[in-house]
Amino acid sequence: MKKWICSVCGHVHEGVAPPELCPVCKVTSSHFHLPGEEPAVHVDDPEVAKLRKVIEGVAPATPKPVRKWICPVCGYVHEGTTPPELCPVCKVVGSQFRLPGEELKIVQEDPEITKLRKAIEGTGPVAAKPVRKWICPVCGYVHEGTTPPELCPVCKIVGSQFRLPGEELKAAQEDPEITKLRKAIEGTEPAAAKPVRKWICPVCGYVHEGATPPELCPVCKIVGSQFRLPGEELKAAQEDPEITKLRKVIEGAEPMAAKPVRKWVCSVCGHVHEGSTPPELCPICKVTASKFNAVD
C-alpha cells in the first residue's frame, strides 16, 4: 500500500493508486504525489494557491455557471447550474436534459424520446396501462381494470388486499384475518357478533336491549344518541339540563312548554291550517306537509 498526498489540501490517501478525486478538495488524481517526490502541481501555482484559499475560507469558491437545460421531449427550459431531477411538464428524468443545440441530436438518436414527443404532440398514442384481473382473496370477486377497485363490492375489503390470479390464495394462507373472513362468508365460521347490551333512556328510564341503542325512545321519543349504558344514564341526566327538564315534565313536576299556534298555508291550493305544526296532508289537494309554509 502506498501513501498519496494531495498537493492542494494535504489529504493522505492509502492505496495502490491515487483516488480519482480528492475527498476533501475535489481535485483530480493528477494533483497527488508520493512522499519525498516533487509535488505533481507546484505549491506556487496560482490555481493551487486559489484552491488552498478556498479550503482555508480565505477566498470564495468559484460558482458554477447558470445554464439553460432543454428537455428533449417537451422542450421545457430549465435555468440552473445543473438540470432538474424531473421535467415538471413531461416527467422525463433530468439526465435526459441537454444544453441548447444538443437536445435535437438526442431526439434523433433515441427512439424512446421520439415516441414520447409524438405522444405529447398527439401524433402518437400514449402507451396504455394493461387491463388485468384482480381477485379478492376473501370472496373471490374478480375485478377487471388497470388497478384494483377501492373496495370490494361484495365483501367490502379494501382494494389493497386484491391480488393478481394465483396470488390471492397465497394472501389468504399468509393472513389469518383474511382466512377468518373467508370462513365467515363460506358459513364455516360465524362472523363476530356485536355484544347485546342494555341501553337506558336518561329521560324516562326505558331499557332497550341490543347491540346498539334504538333510533328513538319508544316512550318519550328522545333520540337514541342520548341512551346510556347502566350507571351512565344518571350522570347524563345530571350534566344535561335539557334532559333534567324533560324528566320533570314526564314526572309531572313541570309542565311541558306548549308549542306556539301558527298559520300554515298550502303552496298548492292556498288552504290555511292553524296549529303548532302543518297537517300531514292538505285536506283540499292532498299534498304533504312539506308543501305548507308558515305565515307569521
Protein backbone atom coordinates (compact mmCIF):
# COMPACT_ATOMS: atom_id res chain seq x y z
CA MET A 1 0.00 0.00 0.00
CA LYS A 2 1.27 3.47 -0.89
CA LYS A 3 0.57 6.82 0.62
CA TRP A 4 -0.57 9.50 -1.82
CA ILE A 5 -0.53 13.14 -0.71
CA CYS A 6 -2.80 15.82 -2.20
CA SER A 7 -0.68 18.79 -3.27
CA VAL A 8 -3.57 21.19 -2.60
CA CYS A 9 -5.04 20.29 0.81
CA GLY A 10 -2.57 17.70 2.15
CA HIS A 11 -5.09 14.87 2.34
CA VAL A 12 -3.35 11.46 2.56
CA HIS A 13 -4.79 8.54 0.61
CA GLU A 14 -3.60 4.96 1.11
CA GLY A 15 -3.82 2.60 -1.87
CA VAL A 16 -2.03 1.22 -4.89
CA ALA A 17 -3.08 4.30 -6.86
CA PRO A 18 -4.29 7.79 -6.00
CA PRO A 19 -8.08 8.38 -5.86
CA GLU A 20 -9.91 9.76 -8.88
CA LEU A 21 -10.93 12.78 -6.81
CA CYS A 22 -9.63 14.13 -3.52
CA PRO A 23 -12.48 13.63 -0.99
CA VAL A 24 -11.60 16.96 0.66
CA CYS A 25 -10.91 19.50 -2.09
CA LYS A 26 -12.17 17.51 -5.13
CA VAL A 27 -9.04 17.94 -7.28
CA THR A 28 -8.19 15.11 -9.66
CA SER A 29 -5.65 12.32 -9.11
CA SER A 30 -3.01 14.28 -11.08
CA HIS A 31 -2.62 16.53 -8.02
CA PHE A 32 -1.45 13.62 -5.80
CA HIS A 33 2.21 12.66 -5.22
CA LEU A 34 4.14 10.10 -3.16
CA PRO A 35 6.11 11.20 -0.04
CA GLY A 36 9.55 12.50 -0.95
CA GLU A 37 8.56 13.17 -4.55
CA GLU A 38 8.18 16.56 -6.14
CA PRO A 39 4.51 17.66 -5.89
CA ALA A 40 2.56 16.97 -9.07
CA VAL A 41 1.49 20.61 -9.06
CA HIS A 42 3.85 23.20 -7.60
CA VAL A 43 2.62 24.90 -4.44
CA ASP A 44 3.28 28.28 -6.02
CA ASP A 45 0.92 27.50 -8.92
CA PRO A 46 -1.74 30.29 -8.85
CA GLU A 47 -4.58 27.76 -9.34
CA VAL A 48 -3.34 25.67 -6.40
CA ALA A 49 -2.96 28.82 -4.28
CA LYS A 50 -6.54 29.78 -5.11
CA LEU A 51 -7.85 26.31 -4.20
CA ARG A 52 -5.98 26.43 -0.91
CA LYS A 53 -7.54 29.80 -0.05
CA VAL A 54 -11.00 28.40 -0.80
CA ILE A 55 -10.35 25.44 1.54
CA GLU A 56 -9.00 27.73 4.27
CA GLY A 57 -12.00 30.04 3.84
CA VAL A 58 -9.91 32.98 2.72
CA ALA A 59 -11.40 33.10 -0.80
CA PRO A 60 -14.89 32.13 -2.01
CA ALA A 61 -15.33 29.13 -4.28
CA THR A 62 -15.95 29.87 -7.95
CA PRO A 63 -19.71 29.49 -8.52
CA LYS A 64 -20.85 27.13 -11.24
CA PRO A 65 -22.23 28.92 -14.30
CA VAL A 66 -26.01 29.13 -14.71
CA ARG A 67 -27.02 27.41 -17.93
CA LYS A 68 -30.11 26.64 -19.93
CA TRP A 69 -31.09 22.96 -19.94
CA ILE A 70 -33.65 21.83 -22.53
CA CYS A 71 -35.96 18.83 -22.19
CA PRO A 72 -35.66 16.86 -25.45
CA VAL A 73 -39.22 15.54 -25.08
CA CYS A 74 -41.41 18.58 -24.44
CA GLY A 75 -38.97 21.48 -24.92
CA TYR A 76 -39.22 22.77 -21.34
CA VAL A 77 -36.28 25.08 -20.50
CA HIS A 78 -34.69 24.94 -17.05
CA GLU A 79 -32.16 27.53 -15.90
CA GLY A 80 -29.61 26.46 -13.31
CA THR A 81 -26.15 25.10 -12.69
CA THR A 82 -27.48 21.55 -13.21
CA PRO A 83 -30.61 20.10 -14.85
CA PRO A 84 -33.68 19.36 -12.65
CA GLU A 85 -34.30 15.88 -11.24
CA LEU A 86 -37.50 15.59 -13.29
CA CYS A 87 -39.05 17.66 -16.06
CA PRO A 88 -42.07 19.39 -14.42
CA VAL A 89 -44.05 19.08 -17.67
CA CYS A 90 -43.49 15.56 -19.06
CA LYS A 91 -41.70 13.96 -16.08
CA VAL A 92 -38.68 12.73 -18.07
CA VAL A 93 -35.61 12.34 -15.83
CA GLY A 94 -33.11 15.19 -15.59
CA SER A 95 -30.27 13.12 -17.05
CA GLN A 96 -32.05 13.40 -20.43
CA PHE A 97 -31.84 17.23 -20.45
CA ARG A 98 -29.37 18.75 -22.88
CA LEU A 99 -27.72 22.11 -23.49
CA PRO A 100 -29.11 24.22 -26.38
CA GLY A 101 -28.46 22.54 -29.73
CA GLU A 102 -27.81 19.11 -28.21
CA GLU A 103 -31.46 18.25 -27.49
CA LEU A 104 -32.23 17.68 -31.19
CA LYS A 105 -29.35 15.22 -31.50
CA ILE A 106 -30.62 13.03 -28.64
CA VAL A 107 -34.14 13.08 -30.17
CA GLN A 108 -32.74 11.71 -33.41
CA GLU A 109 -30.62 9.07 -31.66
CA ASP A 110 -33.10 7.83 -29.01
CA PRO A 111 -36.30 6.21 -30.41
CA GLU A 112 -37.92 6.24 -26.94
CA ILE A 113 -37.70 10.03 -26.76
CA THR A 114 -39.09 10.30 -30.30
CA LYS A 115 -42.04 8.15 -29.19
CA LEU A 116 -42.66 10.33 -26.12
CA ARG A 117 -42.55 13.50 -28.22
CA LYS A 118 -45.15 12.11 -30.61
CA ALA A 119 -47.39 11.18 -27.68
CA ILE A 120 -47.18 14.76 -26.32
CA GLU A 121 -47.76 16.29 -29.76
CA GLY A 122 -50.74 13.97 -30.31
CA THR A 123 -49.24 12.26 -33.35
CA GLY A 124 -48.59 9.03 -31.44
CA PRO A 125 -50.66 7.16 -28.83
CA VAL A 126 -49.61 7.15 -25.17
CA ALA A 127 -48.84 3.63 -24.01
CA ALA A 128 -51.96 2.45 -22.14
CA LYS A 129 -51.71 0.55 -18.88
CA PRO A 130 -52.63 -3.13 -19.33
CA VAL A 131 -56.08 -4.25 -18.18
CA ARG A 132 -55.68 -7.01 -15.61
CA LYS A 133 -57.81 -9.29 -13.49
CA TRP A 134 -57.72 -8.51 -9.77
CA ILE A 135 -59.09 -11.14 -7.40
CA CYS A 136 -60.46 -10.52 -3.92
CA PRO A 137 -58.75 -13.04 -1.60
CA VAL A 138 -61.79 -13.07 0.72
CA CYS A 139 -64.84 -13.64 -1.50
CA GLY A 140 -63.24 -14.37 -4.89
CA TYR A 141 -64.79 -11.36 -6.67
CA VAL A 142 -62.94 -10.61 -9.94
CA HIS A 143 -62.34 -7.00 -10.98
CA GLU A 144 -61.03 -6.13 -14.43
CA GLY A 145 -59.06 -2.91 -14.80
CA THR A 146 -55.64 -1.30 -14.77
CA THR A 147 -55.79 -1.09 -10.96
CA PRO A 148 -57.82 -2.86 -8.25
CA PRO A 149 -61.05 -1.20 -7.00
CA GLU A 150 -61.06 0.96 -3.87
CA LEU A 151 -63.41 -1.52 -2.15
CA CYS A 152 -64.64 -4.99 -3.00
CA PRO A 153 -68.34 -4.51 -3.93
CA VAL A 154 -69.20 -7.88 -2.36
CA CYS A 155 -67.35 -8.16 0.98
CA LYS A 156 -66.14 -4.51 1.28
CA ILE A 157 -62.47 -5.40 1.83
CA VAL A 158 -60.09 -2.62 0.73
CA GLY A 159 -58.62 -2.75 -2.76
CA SER A 160 -55.04 -3.01 -1.50
CA GLN A 161 -55.84 -6.61 -0.50
CA PHE A 162 -56.71 -7.61 -4.11
CA ARG A 163 -54.22 -9.87 -5.86
CA LEU A 164 -53.44 -10.99 -9.38
CA PRO A 165 -54.54 -14.53 -10.36
CA GLY A 166 -52.62 -17.14 -8.38
CA GLU A 167 -51.51 -14.69 -5.70
CA GLU A 168 -54.86 -14.46 -3.89
CA LEU A 169 -54.51 -17.96 -2.40
CA LYS A 170 -51.09 -17.10 -1.03
CA ALA A 171 -52.51 -13.95 0.58
CA ALA A 172 -55.31 -15.98 2.17
CA GLN A 173 -52.83 -18.52 3.56
CA GLU A 174 -50.47 -15.89 4.96
CA ASP A 175 -53.04 -13.53 6.51
CA PRO A 176 -55.13 -15.13 9.31
CA GLU A 177 -57.61 -12.22 9.17
CA ILE A 178 -58.39 -12.97 5.50
CA THR A 179 -58.78 -16.68 6.32
CA LYS A 180 -61.25 -15.78 9.07
CA LEU A 181 -63.26 -13.53 6.74
CA ARG A 182 -63.37 -16.28 4.08
CA LYS A 183 -64.74 -18.78 6.60
CA ALA A 184 -67.38 -16.29 7.72
CA ILE A 185 -68.51 -15.79 4.08
CA GLU A 186 -68.48 -19.55 3.39
CA GLY A 187 -70.53 -20.18 6.54
CA THR A 188 -67.92 -22.43 8.17
CA GLU A 189 -67.28 -19.84 10.85
CA PRO A 190 -69.75 -17.26 12.17
CA ALA A 191 -68.91 -13.59 11.87
CA ALA A 192 -68.04 -11.97 15.18
CA ALA A 193 -71.35 -10.72 16.58
CA LYS A 194 -71.61 -7.44 18.42
CA PRO A 195 -72.44 -7.96 22.13
CA VAL A 196 -76.05 -7.40 23.22
CA ARG A 197 -76.18 -4.65 25.82
CA LYS A 198 -78.73 -2.80 27.89
CA TRP A 199 -79.25 0.84 26.84
CA ILE A 200 -81.14 3.10 29.25
CA CYS A 201 -83.04 6.25 28.32
CA PRO A 202 -81.87 9.01 30.73
CA VAL A 203 -85.25 10.78 30.44
CA CYS A 204 -87.92 8.12 31.06
CA GLY A 205 -85.83 5.11 32.12
CA TYR A 206 -86.88 2.89 29.20
CA VAL A 207 -84.48 -0.07 28.76
CA HIS A 208 -83.54 -1.25 25.26
CA GLU A 209 -81.59 -4.47 24.69
CA GLY A 210 -79.44 -4.74 21.58
CA ALA A 211 -76.02 -4.24 20.06
CA THR A 212 -76.77 -0.53 19.59
CA PRO A 213 -79.35 1.88 21.09
CA PRO A 214 -82.64 2.46 19.21
CA GLU A 215 -83.05 5.39 16.85
CA LEU A 216 -85.76 6.86 19.10
CA CYS A 217 -87.02 6.04 22.58
CA PRO A 218 -90.47 4.47 22.03
CA VAL A 219 -91.77 6.14 25.21
CA CYS A 220 -90.51 9.73 25.28
CA LYS A 221 -89.19 9.98 21.71
CA ILE A 222 -85.70 11.19 22.69
CA VAL A 223 -83.04 10.33 20.10
CA GLY A 224 -81.01 7.13 20.55
CA SER A 225 -77.70 9.00 20.85
CA GLN A 226 -78.85 10.10 24.34
CA PHE A 227 -79.18 6.50 25.57
CA ARG A 228 -76.55 5.36 28.05
CA LEU A 229 -75.24 2.09 29.46
CA PRO A 230 -76.33 1.17 33.01
CA GLY A 231 -74.89 3.62 35.56
CA GLU A 232 -74.13 6.29 32.96
CA GLU A 233 -77.71 7.49 32.45
CA LEU A 234 -77.82 9.27 35.83
CA LYS A 235 -74.62 11.15 35.01
CA ALA A 236 -76.10 12.26 31.66
CA ALA A 237 -79.26 13.49 33.42
CA GLN A 238 -77.21 15.50 35.94
CA GLU A 239 -74.93 17.06 33.33
CA ASP A 240 -77.57 17.93 30.69
CA PRO A 241 -80.18 20.49 31.87
CA GLU A 242 -82.41 19.67 28.90
CA ILE A 243 -82.66 16.02 29.99
CA THR A 244 -83.41 17.15 33.59
CA LYS A 245 -86.23 19.35 32.27
CA LEU A 246 -87.71 16.50 30.20
CA ARG A 247 -87.60 14.17 33.21
CA LYS A 248 -89.54 16.72 35.28
CA VAL A 249 -92.16 17.01 32.53
CA ILE A 250 -92.62 13.21 32.43
CA GLU A 251 -92.80 13.03 36.25
CA GLY A 252 -95.41 15.83 36.24
CA ALA A 253 -93.25 18.18 38.28
CA GLU A 254 -93.03 20.69 35.45
CA PRO A 255 -95.49 21.40 32.59
CA MET A 256 -94.34 20.82 29.06
CA ALA A 257 -93.72 24.03 27.13
CA ALA A 258 -96.55 24.46 24.64
CA LYS A 259 -95.63 24.97 21.03
CA PRO A 260 -96.97 28.23 19.52
CA VAL A 261 -100.04 28.07 17.25
CA ARG A 262 -99.16 29.28 13.77
CA LYS A 263 -100.81 29.65 10.40
CA TRP A 264 -99.62 27.24 7.69
CA VAL A 265 -100.53 28.00 4.07
CA CYS A 266 -100.60 25.28 1.37
CA SER A 267 -98.38 26.43 -1.50
CA VAL A 268 -100.50 24.46 -3.98
CA CYS A 269 -104.15 25.35 -3.24
CA GLY A 270 -103.87 28.12 -0.63
CA HIS A 271 -105.60 26.22 2.20
CA VAL A 272 -104.82 27.73 5.62
CA HIS A 273 -104.18 25.43 8.59
CA GLU A 274 -103.82 26.67 12.17
CA GLY A 275 -101.71 24.68 14.60
CA SER A 276 -98.27 24.17 16.07
CA THR A 277 -97.26 22.11 13.04
CA PRO A 278 -98.60 21.74 9.48
CA PRO A 279 -101.06 18.89 8.74
CA GLU A 280 -99.69 15.59 7.40
CA LEU A 281 -101.88 16.04 4.30
CA CYS A 282 -103.70 19.06 2.89
CA PRO A 283 -107.44 18.31 3.22
CA ILE A 284 -108.11 20.05 -0.10
CA CYS A 285 -105.40 18.98 -2.57
CA LYS A 286 -103.80 16.12 -0.55
CA VAL A 287 -100.19 17.34 -0.81
CA THR A 288 -97.85 16.50 2.10
CA ALA A 289 -96.85 18.79 4.99
CA SER A 290 -93.61 19.75 3.22
CA LYS A 291 -95.71 21.89 0.82
CA PHE A 292 -97.01 24.10 3.67
CA ASN A 293 -95.31 27.38 4.57
CA ALA A 294 -95.56 29.15 7.95
CA VAL A 295 -97.07 32.64 7.96
CA ASP A 296 -96.07 34.93 10.81
